[in-house]
Amino acid sequence: MKVWQKNVILIALVVLLAAFPLWYCKDAEFGGADGIAGALIEETNPDYEPWFEPLSEPASGEVESLLFALQAALGSGVVCFVLGRITARKPEESKRV
């Protein structure tokens, strides 16, 4: 099997993994821990007042999830890049070995 065929299969699997929960669980709410924690705080301490309000609210929960996923992807990209640069050998070093 050629490399491009493997890549196409892997991309198709990733798309399927992302789309399947949205298709299978049509009425599900994909909320995060922040909403659950806020509800629990209001339930246990009704007089609680937050220290501050967010500067801007995303349009929906899906947009919020997208922004979180983008933040995670960028962060992992930076970490992997730095680790790759740190562990990579310079051409001069590999000739000596």
PDB file of N, CA and C in Angstrom:
ATOM      1  N   MET A   1       0.843  -1.174   0.000  1.00  0.00           N
ATOM      2  CA  MET A   1       0.000   0.000   0.000  1.00  0.00           C
ATOM      3  C   MET A   1       0.895   1.246   0.000  1.00  0.00           C
ATOM      4  N   LYS A   2       0.552   2.192  -0.826  1.00  0.00           N
ATOM      5  CA  LYS A   2       1.355   3.410  -0.946  1.00  0.00           C
ATOM      6  C   LYS A   2       1.068   4.361   0.212  1.00  0.00           C
ATOM      7  N   VAL A   3       1.997   5.275   0.416  1.00  0.00           N
ATOM      8  CA  VAL A   3       1.900   6.209   1.538  1.00  0.00           C
ATOM      9  C   VAL A   3       0.659   7.078   1.414  1.00  0.00           C
ATOM     10  N   TRP A   4       0.355   7.568   0.230  1.00  0.00           N
ATOM     11  CA  TRP A   4      -0.797   8.455   0.082  1.00  0.00           C
ATOM     12  C   TRP A   4      -2.096   7.703   0.353  1.00  0.00           C
ATOM     13  N   GLN A   5      -2.143   6.409   0.057  1.00  0.00           N
ATOM     14  CA  GLN A   5      -3.339   5.614   0.340  1.00  0.00           C
ATOM     15  C   GLN A   5      -3.533   5.449   1.851  1.00  0.00           C
ATOM     16  N   LYS A   6      -2.439   5.222   2.559  1.00  0.00           N
ATOM     17  CA  LYS A   6      -2.516   5.133   4.018  1.00  0.00           C
ATOM     18  C   LYS A   6      -2.995   6.453   4.605  1.00  0.00           C
ATOM     19  N   ASN A   7      -2.486   7.553   4.072  1.00  0.00           N
ATOM     20  CA  ASN A   7      -2.895   8.875   4.566  1.00  0.00           C
ATOM     21  C   ASN A   7      -4.375   9.129   4.328  1.00  0.00           C
ATOM     22  N   VAL A   8      -4.872   8.738   3.168  1.00  0.00           N
ATOM     23  CA  VAL A   8      -6.295   8.926   2.870  1.00  0.00           C
ATOM     24  C   VAL A   8      -7.146   8.091   3.820  1.00  0.00           C
ATOM     25  N   ILE A   9      -6.738   6.867   4.087  1.00  0.00           N
ATOM     26  CA  ILE A   9      -7.480   6.008   5.011  1.00  0.00           C
ATOM     27  C   ILE A   9      -7.467   6.599   6.419  1.00  0.00           C
ATOM     28  N   LEU A  10      -6.307   7.086   6.869  1.00  0.00           N
ATOM     29  CA  LEU A  10      -6.223   7.687   8.196  1.00  0.00           C
ATOM     30  C   LEU A  10      -7.073   8.944   8.309  1.00  0.00           C
ATOM     31  N   ILE A  11      -7.080   9.770   7.293  1.00  0.00           N
ATOM     32  CA  ILE A  11      -7.908  10.983   7.300  1.00  0.00           C
ATOM     33  C   ILE A  11      -9.382  10.616   7.335  1.00  0.00           C
ATOM     34  N   ALA A  12      -9.775   9.613   6.561  1.00  0.00           N
ATOM     35  CA  ALA A  12     -11.168   9.166   6.563  1.00  0.00           C
ATOM     36  C   ALA A  12     -11.570   8.639   7.940  1.00  0.00           C
ATOM     37  N   LEU A  13     -10.683   7.913   8.608  1.00  0.00           N
ATOM     38  CA  LEU A  13     -10.977   7.414   9.948  1.00  0.00           C
ATOM     39  C   LEU A  13     -11.130   8.555  10.955  1.00  0.00           C
ATOM     40  N   VAL A  14     -10.293   9.566  10.838  1.00  0.00           N
ATOM     41  CA  VAL A  14     -10.398  10.720  11.742  1.00  0.00           C
ATOM     42  C   VAL A  14     -11.721  11.442  11.533  1.00  0.00           C
ATOM     43  N   VAL A  15     -12.108  11.643  10.282  1.00  0.00           N
ATOM     44  CA  VAL A  15     -13.385  12.297   9.991  1.00  0.00           C
ATOM     45  C   VAL A  15     -14.541  11.458  10.521  1.00  0.00           C
ATOM     46  N   LEU A  16     -14.462  10.157  10.358  1.00  0.00           N
ATOM     47  CA  LEU A  16     -15.502   9.263  10.851  1.00  0.00           C
ATOM     48  C   LEU A  16     -15.590   9.313  12.378  1.00  0.00           C
ATOM     49  N   LEU A  17     -14.441   9.307  13.047  1.00  0.00           N
ATOM     50  CA  LEU A  17     -14.445   9.389  14.510  1.00  0.00           C
ATOM     51  C   LEU A  17     -15.034  10.705  15.010  1.00  0.00           C
ATOM     52  N   ALA A  18     -14.811  11.777  14.291  1.00  0.00           N
ATOM     53  CA  ALA A  18     -15.350  13.077  14.695  1.00  0.00           C
ATOM     54  C   ALA A  18     -16.840  13.188  14.379  1.00  0.00           C
ATOM     55  N   ALA A  19     -17.282  12.618  13.272  1.00  0.00           N
ATOM     56  CA  ALA A  19     -18.669  12.770  12.833  1.00  0.00           C
ATOM     57  C   ALA A  19     -19.617  11.770  13.488  1.00  0.00           C
ATOM     58  N   PHE A  20     -19.119  10.596  13.849  1.00  0.00           N
ATOM     59  CA  PHE A  20     -19.997   9.553  14.382  1.00  0.00           C
ATOM     60  C   PHE A  20     -20.756   9.985  15.635  1.00  0.00           C
ATOM     61  N   PRO A  21     -20.108  10.568  16.652  1.00  0.00           N
ATOM     62  CA  PRO A  21     -20.881  10.985  17.835  1.00  0.00           C
ATOM     63  C   PRO A  21     -21.943  12.040  17.513  1.00  0.00           C
ATOM     64  N   LEU A  22     -21.644  12.930  16.591  1.00  0.00           N
ATOM     65  CA  LEU A  22     -22.625  13.959  16.213  1.00  0.00           C
ATOM     66  C   LEU A  22     -23.825  13.341  15.505  1.00  0.00           C
ATOM     67  N   TRP A  23     -23.597  12.305  14.740  1.00  0.00           N
ATOM     68  CA  TRP A  23     -24.677  11.637  14.016  1.00  0.00           C
ATOM     69  C   TRP A  23     -25.450  10.698  14.942  1.00  0.00           C
ATOM     70  N   TYR A  24     -24.743   9.946  15.769  1.00  0.00           N
ATOM     71  CA  TYR A  24     -25.363   8.932  16.612  1.00  0.00           C
ATOM     72  C   TYR A  24     -26.125   9.552  17.779  1.00  0.00           C
ATOM     73  N   CYS A  25     -25.601  10.579  18.376  1.00  0.00           N
ATOM     74  CA  CYS A  25     -26.218  11.229  19.547  1.00  0.00           C
ATOM     75  C   CYS A  25     -26.762  12.588  19.129  1.00  0.00           C
ATOM     76  N   LYS A  26     -27.843  12.583  18.377  1.00  0.00           N
ATOM     77  CA  LYS A  26     -28.354  13.822  17.790  1.00  0.00           C
ATOM     78  C   LYS A  26     -28.831  14.829  18.841  1.00  0.00           C
ATOM     79  N   ASP A  27     -29.461  14.370  19.907  1.00  0.00           N
ATOM     80  CA  ASP A  27     -30.026  15.290  20.896  1.00  0.00           C
ATOM     81  C   ASP A  27     -29.117  15.501  22.102  1.00  0.00           C
ATOM     82  N   ALA A  28     -27.890  15.048  22.020  1.00  0.00           N
ATOM     83  CA  ALA A  28     -26.979  15.158  23.156  1.00  0.00           C
ATOM     84  C   ALA A  28     -26.428  16.572  23.271  1.00  0.00           C
ATOM     85  N   GLU A  29     -26.131  16.950  24.492  1.00  0.00           N
ATOM     86  CA  GLU A  29     -25.487  18.229  24.731  1.00  0.00           C
ATOM     87  C   GLU A  29     -24.020  17.948  25.016  1.00  0.00           C
ATOM     88  N   PHE A  30     -23.141  18.527  24.220  1.00  0.00           N
ATOM     89  CA  PHE A  30     -21.712  18.323  24.387  1.00  0.00           C
ATOM     90  C   PHE A  30     -21.145  19.480  25.199  1.00  0.00           C
ATOM     91  N   GLY A  31     -21.441  19.468  26.480  1.00  0.00           N
ATOM     92  CA  GLY A  31     -20.983  20.530  27.356  1.00  0.00           C
ATOM     93  C   GLY A  31     -19.693  20.144  28.051  1.00  0.00           C
ATOM     94  N   GLY A  32     -19.072  21.126  28.642  1.00  0.00           N
ATOM     95  CA  GLY A  32     -17.814  20.876  29.328  1.00  0.00           C
ATOM     96  C   GLY A  32     -17.988  20.870  30.835  1.00  0.00           C
ATOM     97  N   ALA A  33     -16.893  20.737  31.516  1.00  0.00           N
ATOM     98  CA  ALA A  33     -16.895  20.674  32.971  1.00  0.00           C
ATOM     99  C   ALA A  33     -17.203  22.039  33.586  1.00  0.00           C
ATOM    100  N   ASP A  34     -16.945  23.118  32.863  1.00  0.00           N
ATOM    101  CA  ASP A  34     -17.204  24.450  33.403  1.00  0.00           C
ATOM    102  C   ASP A  34     -18.684  24.650  33.719  1.00  0.00           C
ATOM    103  N   GLY A  35     -19.550  24.232  32.813  1.00  0.00           N
ATOM    104  CA  GLY A  35     -20.986  24.371  33.031  1.00  0.00           C
ATOM    105  C   GLY A  35     -21.476  23.529  34.188  1.00  0.00           C
ATOM    106  N   ILE A  36     -20.953  22.313  34.303  1.00  0.00           N
ATOM    107  CA  ILE A  36     -21.345  21.430  35.396  1.00  0.00           C
ATOM    108  C   ILE A  36     -20.857  21.992  36.729  1.00  0.00           C
ATOM    109  N   ALA A  37     -19.629  22.505  36.752  1.00  0.00           N
ATOM    110  CA  ALA A  37     -19.081  23.084  37.977  1.00  0.00           C
ATOM    111  C   ALA A  37     -19.877  24.311  38.402  1.00  0.00           C
ATOM    112  N   GLY A  38     -20.257  25.148  37.439  1.00  0.00           N
ATOM    113  CA  GLY A  38     -21.055  26.337  37.762  1.00  0.00           C
ATOM    114  C   GLY A  38     -22.407  25.966  38.350  1.00  0.00           C
ATOM    115  N   ALA A  39     -23.035  24.951  37.780  1.00  0.00           N
ATOM    116  CA  ALA A  39     -24.333  24.510  38.297  1.00  0.00           C
ATOM    117  C   ALA A  39     -24.182  23.928  39.698  1.00  0.00           C
ATOM    118  N   LEU A  40     -23.113  23.189  39.934  1.00  0.00           N
ATOM    119  CA  LEU A  40     -22.883  22.604  41.257  1.00  0.00           C
ATOM    120  C   LEU A  40     -22.618  23.687  42.301  1.00  0.00           C
ATOM    121  N   ILE A  41     -21.874  24.714  41.932  1.00  0.00           N
ATOM    122  CA  ILE A  41     -21.605  25.821  42.865  1.00  0.00           C
ATOM    123  C   ILE A  41     -22.902  26.545  43.201  1.00  0.00           C
ATOM    124  N   GLU A  42     -23.739  26.804  42.197  1.00  0.00           N
ATOM    125  CA  GLU A  42     -25.009  27.477  42.453  1.00  0.00           C
ATOM    126  C   GLU A  42     -25.921  26.628  43.329  1.00  0.00           C
ATOM    127  N   GLU A  43     -25.840  25.314  43.157  1.00  0.00           N
ATOM    128  CA  GLU A  43     -26.678  24.414  43.951  1.00  0.00           C
ATOM    129  C   GLU A  43     -26.218  24.366  45.412  1.00  0.00           C
ATOM    130  N   THR A  44     -24.916  24.295  45.625  1.00  0.00           N
ATOM    131  CA  THR A  44     -24.407  24.168  46.991  1.00  0.00           C
ATOM    132  C   THR A  44     -24.326  25.505  47.718  1.00  0.00           C
ATOM    133  N   ASN A  45     -24.127  26.600  47.000  1.00  0.00           N
ATOM    134  CA  ASN A  45     -24.008  27.914  47.632  1.00  0.00           C
ATOM    135  C   ASN A  45     -24.750  28.940  46.778  1.00  0.00           C
ATOM    136  N   PRO A  46     -26.044  29.091  47.002  1.00  0.00           N
ATOM    137  CA  PRO A  46     -26.831  30.000  46.152  1.00  0.00           C
ATOM    138  C   PRO A  46     -26.428  31.468  46.260  1.00  0.00           C
ATOM    139  N   ASP A  47     -25.756  31.874  47.343  1.00  0.00           N
ATOM    140  CA  ASP A  47     -25.363  33.270  47.531  1.00  0.00           C
ATOM    141  C   ASP A  47     -24.010  33.583  46.890  1.00  0.00           C
ATOM    142  N   TYR A  48     -23.390  32.620  46.260  1.00  0.00           N
ATOM    143  CA  TYR A  48     -22.058  32.826  45.668  1.00  0.00           C
ATOM    144  C   TYR A  48     -22.127  33.831  44.522  1.00  0.00           C
ATOM    145  N   GLU A  49     -21.177  34.769  44.513  1.00  0.00           N
ATOM    146  CA  GLU A  49     -21.068  35.726  43.418  1.00  0.00           C
ATOM    147  C   GLU A  49     -19.706  35.547  42.756  1.00  0.00           C
ATOM    148  N   PRO A  50     -19.666  35.394  41.436  1.00  0.00           N
ATOM    149  CA  PRO A  50     -18.382  35.227  40.748  1.00  0.00           C
ATOM    150  C   PRO A  50     -17.493  36.459  40.934  1.00  0.00           C
ATOM    151  N   TRP A  51     -16.203  36.238  40.890  1.00  0.00           N
ATOM    152  CA  TRP A  51     -15.240  37.325  41.060  1.00  0.00           C
ATOM    153  C   TRP A  51     -15.216  38.248  39.853  1.00  0.00           C
ATOM    154  N   PHE A  52     -15.423  37.695  38.671  1.00  0.00           N
ATOM    155  CA  PHE A  52     -15.388  38.509  37.456  1.00  0.00           C
ATOM    156  C   PHE A  52     -16.245  37.846  36.385  1.00  0.00           C
ATOM    157  N   GLU A  53     -16.556  38.604  35.361  1.00  0.00           N
ATOM    158  CA  GLU A  53     -17.326  38.117  34.222  1.00  0.00           C
ATOM    159  C   GLU A  53     -16.400  37.955  33.022  1.00  0.00           C
ATOM    160  N   PRO A  54     -16.687  37.014  32.122  1.00  0.00           N
ATOM    161  CA  PRO A  54     -15.859  36.858  30.923  1.00  0.00           C
ATOM    162  C   PRO A  54     -15.909  38.117  30.050  1.00  0.00           C
ATOM    163  N   LEU A  55     -14.809  38.385  29.346  1.00  0.00           N
ATOM    164  CA  LEU A  55     -14.765  39.555  28.462  1.00  0.00           C
ATOM    165  C   LEU A  55     -15.691  39.384  27.270  1.00  0.00           C
ATOM    166  N   SER A  56     -15.770  38.172  26.741  1.00  0.00           N
ATOM    167  CA  SER A  56     -16.681  37.903  25.629  1.00  0.00           C
ATOM    168  C   SER A  56     -17.165  36.468  25.731  1.00  0.00           C
ATOM    169  N   GLU A  57     -18.383  36.252  25.298  1.00  0.00           N
ATOM    170  CA  GLU A  57     -18.977  34.918  25.312  1.00  0.00           C
ATOM    171  C   GLU A  57     -19.004  34.367  23.893  1.00  0.00           C
ATOM    172  N   PRO A  58     -18.597  33.115  23.690  1.00  0.00           N
ATOM    173  CA  PRO A  58     -18.739  32.509  22.358  1.00  0.00           C
ATOM    174  C   PRO A  58     -20.207  32.404  21.975  1.00  0.00           C
ATOM    175  N   ALA A  59     -20.459  32.329  20.680  1.00  0.00           N
ATOM    176  CA  ALA A  59     -21.833  32.308  20.182  1.00  0.00           C
ATOM    177  C   ALA A  59     -22.603  31.079  20.668  1.00  0.00           C
ATOM    178  N   SER A  60     -21.920  29.936  20.783  1.00  0.00           N
ATOM    179  CA  SER A  60     -22.593  28.712  21.223  1.00  0.00           C
ATOM    180  C   SER A  60     -21.570  27.792  21.876  1.00  0.00           C
ATOM    181  N   GLY A  61     -22.069  26.685  22.405  1.00  0.00           N
ATOM    182  CA  GLY A  61     -21.187  25.705  23.020  1.00  0.00           C
ATOM    183  C   GLY A  61     -20.260  25.051  22.023  1.00  0.00           C
ATOM    184  N   GLU A  62     -20.741  24.899  20.788  1.00  0.00           N
ATOM    185  CA  GLU A  62     -19.908  24.298  19.745  1.00  0.00           C
ATOM    186  C   GLU A  62     -18.721  25.191  19.397  1.00  0.00           C
ATOM    187  N   VAL A  63     -18.971  26.501  19.346  1.00  0.00           N
ATOM    188  CA  VAL A  63     -17.884  27.443  19.057  1.00  0.00           C
ATOM    189  C   VAL A  63     -16.878  27.437  20.202  1.00  0.00           C
ATOM    190  N   GLU A  64     -17.383  27.354  21.421  1.00  0.00           N
ATOM    191  CA  GLU A  64     -16.496  27.289  22.582  1.00  0.00           C
ATOM    192  C   GLU A  64     -15.628  26.037  22.524  1.00  0.00           C
ATOM    193  N   SER A  65     -16.225  24.906  22.151  1.00  0.00           N
ATOM    194  CA  SER A  65     -15.459  23.658  22.011  1.00  0.00           C
ATOM    195  C   SER A  65     -14.427  23.769  20.905  1.00  0.00           C
ATOM    196  N   LEU A  66     -14.799  24.413  19.806  1.00  0.00           N
ATOM    197  CA  LEU A  66     -13.860  24.602  18.702  1.00  0.00           C
ATOM    198  C   LEU A  66     -12.665  25.443  19.146  1.00  0.00           C
ATOM    199  N   LEU A  67     -12.923  26.527  19.852  1.00  0.00           N
ATOM    200  CA  LEU A  67     -11.832  27.374  20.327  1.00  0.00           C
ATOM    201  C   LEU A  67     -10.927  26.622  21.304  1.00  0.00           C
ATOM    202  N   PHE A  68     -11.519  25.789  22.160  1.00  0.00           N
ATOM    203  CA  PHE A  68     -10.724  24.997  23.085  1.00  0.00           C
ATOM    204  C   PHE A  68      -9.866  23.984  22.327  1.00  0.00           C
ATOM    205  N   ALA A  69     -10.445  23.349  21.315  1.00  0.00           N
ATOM    206  CA  ALA A  69      -9.680  22.372  20.521  1.00  0.00           C
ATOM    207  C   ALA A  69      -8.546  23.055  19.760  1.00  0.00           C
ATOM    208  N   LEU A  70      -8.790  24.243  19.226  1.00  0.00           N
ATOM    209  CA  LEU A  70      -7.734  24.984  18.541  1.00  0.00           C
ATOM    210  C   LEU A  70      -6.615  25.364  19.509  1.00  0.00           C
ATOM    211  N   GLN A  71      -6.987  25.768  20.709  1.00  0.00           N
ATOM    212  CA  GLN A  71      -5.990  26.109  21.716  1.00  0.00           C
ATOM    213  C   GLN A  71      -5.145  24.888  22.067  1.00  0.00           C
ATOM    214  N   ALA A  72      -5.783  23.737  22.215  1.00  0.00           N
ATOM    215  CA  ALA A  72      -5.052  22.506  22.528  1.00  0.00           C
ATOM    216  C   ALA A  72      -4.139  22.099  21.377  1.00  0.00           C
ATOM    217  N   ALA A  73      -4.623  22.241  20.147  1.00  0.00           N
ATOM    218  CA  ALA A  73      -3.806  21.878  18.986  1.00  0.00           C
ATOM    219  C   ALA A  73      -2.591  22.792  18.855  1.00  0.00           C
ATOM    220  N   LEU A  74      -2.795  24.077  19.029  1.00  0.00           N
ATOM    221  CA  LEU A  74      -1.662  25.008  18.954  1.00  0.00           C
ATOM    222  C   LEU A  74      -0.651  24.749  20.068  1.00  0.00           C
ATOM    223  N   GLY A  75      -1.140  24.497  21.260  1.00  0.00           N
ATOM    224  CA  GLY A  75      -0.241  24.214  22.379  1.00  0.00           C
ATOM    225  C   GLY A  75       0.564  22.945  22.158  1.00  0.00           C
ATOM    226  N   SER A  76      -0.083  21.893  21.684  1.00  0.00           N
ATOM    227  CA  SER A  76       0.654  20.650  21.438  1.00  0.00           C
ATOM    228  C   SER A  76       1.616  20.814  20.269  1.00  0.00           C
ATOM    229  N   GLY A  77       1.252  21.616  19.290  1.00  0.00           N
ATOM    230  CA  GLY A  77       2.168  21.880  18.182  1.00  0.00           C
ATOM    231  C   GLY A  77       3.432  22.587  18.651  1.00  0.00           C
ATOM    232  N   VAL A  78       3.266  23.563  19.524  1.00  0.00           N
ATOM    233  CA  VAL A  78       4.432  24.290  20.045  1.00  0.00           C
ATOM    234  C   VAL A  78       5.302  23.356  20.881  1.00  0.00           C
ATOM    235  N   VAL A  79       4.678  22.576  21.758  1.00  0.00           N
ATOM    236  CA  VAL A  79       5.442  21.660  22.607  1.00  0.00           C
ATOM    237  C   VAL A  79       6.189  20.633  21.752  1.00  0.00           C
ATOM    238  N   CYS A  80       5.529  20.052  20.768  1.00  0.00           N
ATOM    239  CA  CYS A  80       6.180  19.056  19.913  1.00  0.00           C
ATOM    240  C   CYS A  80       7.307  19.684  19.085  1.00  0.00           C
ATOM    241  N   PHE A  81       7.109  20.904  18.614  1.00  0.00           N
ATOM    242  CA  PHE A  81       8.157  21.585  17.867  1.00  0.00           C
ATOM    243  C   PHE A  81       9.388  21.809  18.736  1.00  0.00           C
ATOM    244  N   VAL A  82       9.159  22.303  19.941  1.00  0.00           N
ATOM    245  CA  VAL A  82      10.284  22.560  20.850  1.00  0.00           C
ATOM    246  C   VAL A  82      10.998  21.262  21.201  1.00  0.00           C
ATOM    247  N   LEU A  83      10.255  20.210  21.518  1.00  0.00           N
ATOM    248  CA  LEU A  83      10.882  18.928  21.828  1.00  0.00           C
ATOM    249  C   LEU A  83      11.653  18.379  20.630  1.00  0.00           C
ATOM    250  N   GLY A  84      11.120  18.561  19.444  1.00  0.00           N
ATOM    251  CA  GLY A  84      11.827  18.118  18.241  1.00  0.00           C
ATOM    252  C   GLY A  84      13.116  18.877  18.021  1.00  0.00           C
ATOM    253  N   ARG A  85      13.086  20.178  18.259  1.00  0.00           N
ATOM    254  CA  ARG A  85      14.304  20.984  18.095  1.00  0.00           C
ATOM    255  C   ARG A  85      15.350  20.635  19.155  1.00  0.00           C
ATOM    256  N   ILE A  86      14.894  20.356  20.350  1.00  0.00           N
ATOM    257  CA  ILE A  86      15.829  20.025  21.430  1.00  0.00           C
ATOM    258  C   ILE A  86      16.491  18.675  21.176  1.00  0.00           C
ATOM    259  N   THR A  87      15.715  17.699  20.739  1.00  0.00           N
ATOM    260  CA  THR A  87      16.245  16.338  20.597  1.00  0.00           C
ATOM    261  C   THR A  87      16.880  16.065  19.243  1.00  0.00           C
ATOM    262  N   ALA A  88      16.694  16.952  18.283  1.00  0.00           N
ATOM    263  CA  ALA A  88      17.265  16.718  16.950  1.00  0.00           C
ATOM    264  C   ALA A  88      18.781  16.870  16.993  1.00  0.00           C
ATOM    265  N   ARG A  89      19.450  16.019  16.255  1.00  0.00           N
ATOM    266  CA  ARG A  89      20.911  16.133  16.167  1.00  0.00           C
ATOM    267  C   ARG A  89      21.285  17.065  15.024  1.00  0.00           C
ATOM    268  N   LYS A  90      22.349  17.770  15.242  1.00  0.00           N
ATOM    269  CA  LYS A  90      22.862  18.643  14.182  1.00  0.00           C
ATOM    270  C   LYS A  90      23.613  17.763  13.190  1.00  0.00           C
ATOM    271  N   PRO A  91      23.683  18.167  11.921  1.00  0.00           N
ATOM    272  CA  PRO A  91      24.379  17.341  10.919  1.00  0.00           C
ATOM    273  C   PRO A  91      25.826  17.038  11.283  1.00  0.00           C
ATOM    274  N   GLU A  92      26.505  17.976  11.938  1.00  0.00           N
ATOM    275  CA  GLU A  92      27.905  17.741  12.313  1.00  0.00           C
ATOM    276  C   GLU A  92      28.018  16.641  13.351  1.00  0.00           C
ATOM    277  N   GLU A  93      27.053  16.602  14.289  1.00  0.00           N
ATOM    278  CA  GLU A  93      27.086  15.600  15.335  1.00  0.00           C
ATOM    279  C   GLU A  93      26.811  14.202  14.806  1.00  0.00           C
ATOM    280  N   SER A  94      25.921  14.087  13.812  1.00  0.00           N
ATOM    281  CA  SER A  94      25.590  12.763  13.297  1.00  0.00           C
ATOM    282  C   SER A  94      26.733  12.177  12.455  1.00  0.00           C
ATOM    283  N   LYS A  95      27.583  13.002  11.887  1.00  0.00           N
ATOM    284  CA  LYS A  95      28.721  12.503  11.099  1.00  0.00           C
ATOM    285  C   LYS A  95      29.796  11.917  12.003  1.00  0.00           C
ATOM    286  N   ARG A  96      29.948  12.444  13.216  1.00  0.00           N
ATOM    287  CA  ARG A  96      30.970  11.973  14.139  1.00  0.00           C
ATOM    288  C   ARG A  96      30.643  10.618  14.723  1.00  0.00           C
ATOM    289  N   VAL A  97      29.401  10.283  14.820  1.00  0.00           N
ATOM    290  CA  VAL A  97      28.991   9.037  15.503  1.00  0.00           C
ATOM    291  C   VAL A  97      29.228   7.833  14.664  1.00  0.00           C
TER     292      VAL A  97
END
